[in-house]
Amino acid sequence: MAKLSADELIDAFKEMTLVELSDFVKKFEDEFDVEASAPVAVAAAAPGAPAPAEEEKTEFDVVLSAIGDKKIQVIKAVKAITNLGLADAKALVDGAPKTVLEGAKKEDADKAKAQLEEAGATVELK
């Protein structure tokens, strides 16, 4: 049997389906008693293959980016959202950009964002 160059092998792999390539990898591992370290990378590189779905975030941080021109309303909103005292809420607002809530559920984060934006603040969800 004639030896194949690396380029010829790559061309042969390009013509294979993902199932055929997966079977080849399994046979290769069995034949040479090795384990492929990144079989997913081969599948991800295939043209037309769908991208892996990202995990849906379940926890969000509500970050006060800017307070706007209604500082008192923003302080009141922060106080209501966080249950902080007036002095602590004012300190948080004065220190913007600051995280108002950490690890909040999507609904709670959206609600807090809406309250802060209604008060005139600029808010980010991370």
Protein backbone atom coordinates (compact mmCIF):
# COMPACT_ATOMS: atom_id res chain seq x y z
CA MET A 1 0.00 0.00 0.00
CA ALA A 2 1.31 3.43 -0.92
CA LYS A 3 1.89 5.93 1.83
CA LEU A 4 -0.45 8.90 1.95
CA SER A 5 0.84 12.35 2.71
CA ALA A 6 -0.70 14.45 5.46
CA ASP A 7 -2.42 16.62 2.83
CA GLU A 8 -3.90 13.55 1.15
CA LEU A 9 -5.19 12.28 4.49
CA ILE A 10 -6.77 15.68 5.25
CA ASP A 11 -8.46 15.67 1.84
CA ALA A 12 -9.83 12.19 2.55
CA PHE A 13 -11.15 13.34 5.94
CA LYS A 14 -12.86 16.35 4.32
CA GLU A 15 -14.90 13.99 2.16
CA MET A 16 -16.13 11.97 5.18
CA THR A 17 -19.36 12.59 7.05
CA LEU A 18 -19.21 13.22 10.77
CA VAL A 19 -20.46 9.68 11.45
CA GLU A 20 -17.76 8.18 9.21
CA LEU A 21 -15.11 10.34 10.84
CA SER A 22 -16.31 9.35 14.31
CA ASP A 23 -16.13 5.66 13.35
CA PHE A 24 -12.62 6.19 11.99
CA VAL A 25 -11.50 7.81 15.25
CA LYS A 26 -12.90 4.89 17.26
CA LYS A 27 -11.14 2.34 15.05
CA PHE A 28 -7.91 4.34 15.22
CA GLU A 29 -8.11 4.44 19.03
CA ASP A 30 -8.77 0.69 19.20
CA GLU A 31 -6.02 -0.20 16.72
CA PHE A 32 -3.29 1.85 18.39
CA ASP A 33 -4.62 1.73 21.96
CA VAL A 34 -4.76 5.51 22.27
CA GLU A 35 -7.43 8.04 23.10
CA ALA A 36 -8.16 11.10 20.99
CA SER A 37 -7.77 14.14 23.21
CA ALA A 38 -10.19 16.43 21.36
CA PRO A 39 -12.74 14.59 19.19
CA VAL A 40 -15.18 17.48 19.63
CA ALA A 41 -12.75 19.87 17.94
CA VAL A 42 -12.95 17.81 14.75
CA ALA A 43 -16.74 17.94 14.74
CA ALA A 44 -16.79 21.66 15.50
CA ALA A 45 -14.46 22.39 12.60
CA ALA A 46 -16.69 20.66 10.06
CA PRO A 47 -18.31 23.14 7.68
CA GLY A 48 -22.07 23.38 8.07
CA ALA A 49 -22.05 21.81 11.51
CA PRO A 50 -24.28 23.65 13.97
CA ALA A 51 -22.50 25.54 16.72
CA PRO A 52 -22.87 24.06 20.20
CA ALA A 53 -25.60 25.75 22.18
CA GLU A 54 -24.45 27.96 25.02
CA GLU A 55 -25.82 27.26 28.45
CA GLU A 56 -28.67 29.54 29.34
CA LYS A 57 -27.75 31.90 32.13
CA THR A 58 -29.82 31.55 35.27
CA GLU A 59 -28.10 34.11 37.48
CA PHE A 60 -27.51 37.74 36.63
CA ASP A 61 -25.71 40.69 38.17
CA VAL A 62 -27.50 44.04 38.01
CA VAL A 63 -24.87 46.73 37.52
CA LEU A 64 -25.65 50.42 37.96
CA SER A 65 -23.60 52.00 35.17
CA ALA A 66 -24.64 55.62 35.51
CA ILE A 67 -27.08 57.44 37.78
CA GLY A 68 -28.39 60.08 35.36
CA ASP A 69 -29.80 63.37 36.56
CA LYS A 70 -32.34 61.97 39.05
CA LYS A 71 -29.98 60.89 41.80
CA ILE A 72 -32.57 60.95 44.60
CA GLN A 73 -34.97 58.68 42.67
CA VAL A 74 -32.12 56.29 41.87
CA ILE A 75 -31.12 56.17 45.57
CA LYS A 76 -34.74 55.40 46.49
CA ALA A 77 -34.89 52.63 43.86
CA VAL A 78 -31.60 51.11 45.07
CA LYS A 79 -32.85 51.28 48.67
CA ALA A 80 -36.08 49.49 47.72
CA ILE A 81 -34.33 46.81 45.64
CA THR A 82 -31.54 46.01 48.09
CA ASN A 83 -33.15 46.74 51.47
CA LEU A 84 -30.10 48.84 52.31
CA GLY A 85 -30.32 51.82 54.60
CA LEU A 86 -30.42 55.29 53.13
CA ALA A 87 -26.72 56.00 53.75
CA ASP A 88 -25.63 52.67 52.24
CA ALA A 89 -27.89 53.11 49.20
CA LYS A 90 -26.50 56.62 48.67
CA ALA A 91 -22.93 55.32 48.95
CA LEU A 92 -23.68 52.61 46.38
CA VAL A 93 -25.18 55.14 43.95
CA ASP A 94 -22.31 57.59 44.49
CA GLY A 95 -19.83 54.81 43.68
CA ALA A 96 -21.39 53.97 40.29
CA PRO A 97 -20.60 51.91 38.35
CA LYS A 98 -21.46 49.39 41.07
CA THR A 99 -23.21 46.04 41.28
CA VAL A 100 -26.65 46.44 42.87
CA LEU A 101 -27.65 42.75 42.86
CA GLU A 102 -25.46 39.68 42.44
CA GLY A 103 -26.64 36.25 41.31
CA ALA A 104 -30.26 37.35 40.90
CA LYS A 105 -32.83 35.27 39.03
CA LYS A 106 -33.74 36.51 35.55
CA GLU A 107 -37.14 37.84 36.67
CA ASP A 108 -35.69 39.66 39.68
CA ALA A 109 -32.86 41.13 37.61
CA ASP A 110 -35.27 42.37 34.93
CA LYS A 111 -37.55 43.87 37.58
CA ALA A 112 -34.63 45.66 39.29
CA LYS A 113 -33.34 46.90 35.93
CA ALA A 114 -36.78 48.29 35.06
CA GLN A 115 -37.07 50.06 38.44
CA LEU A 116 -33.64 51.64 38.12
CA GLU A 117 -34.17 52.71 34.51
CA GLU A 118 -37.56 54.20 35.45
CA ALA A 119 -35.73 56.25 38.09
CA GLY A 120 -33.36 57.54 35.39
CA ALA A 121 -30.33 55.28 35.82
CA THR A 122 -28.38 53.36 33.19
CA VAL A 123 -28.25 49.65 34.05
CA GLU A 124 -26.53 46.56 32.65
CA LEU A 125 -27.30 42.88 33.23
CA LYS A 126 -24.24 40.65 33.32
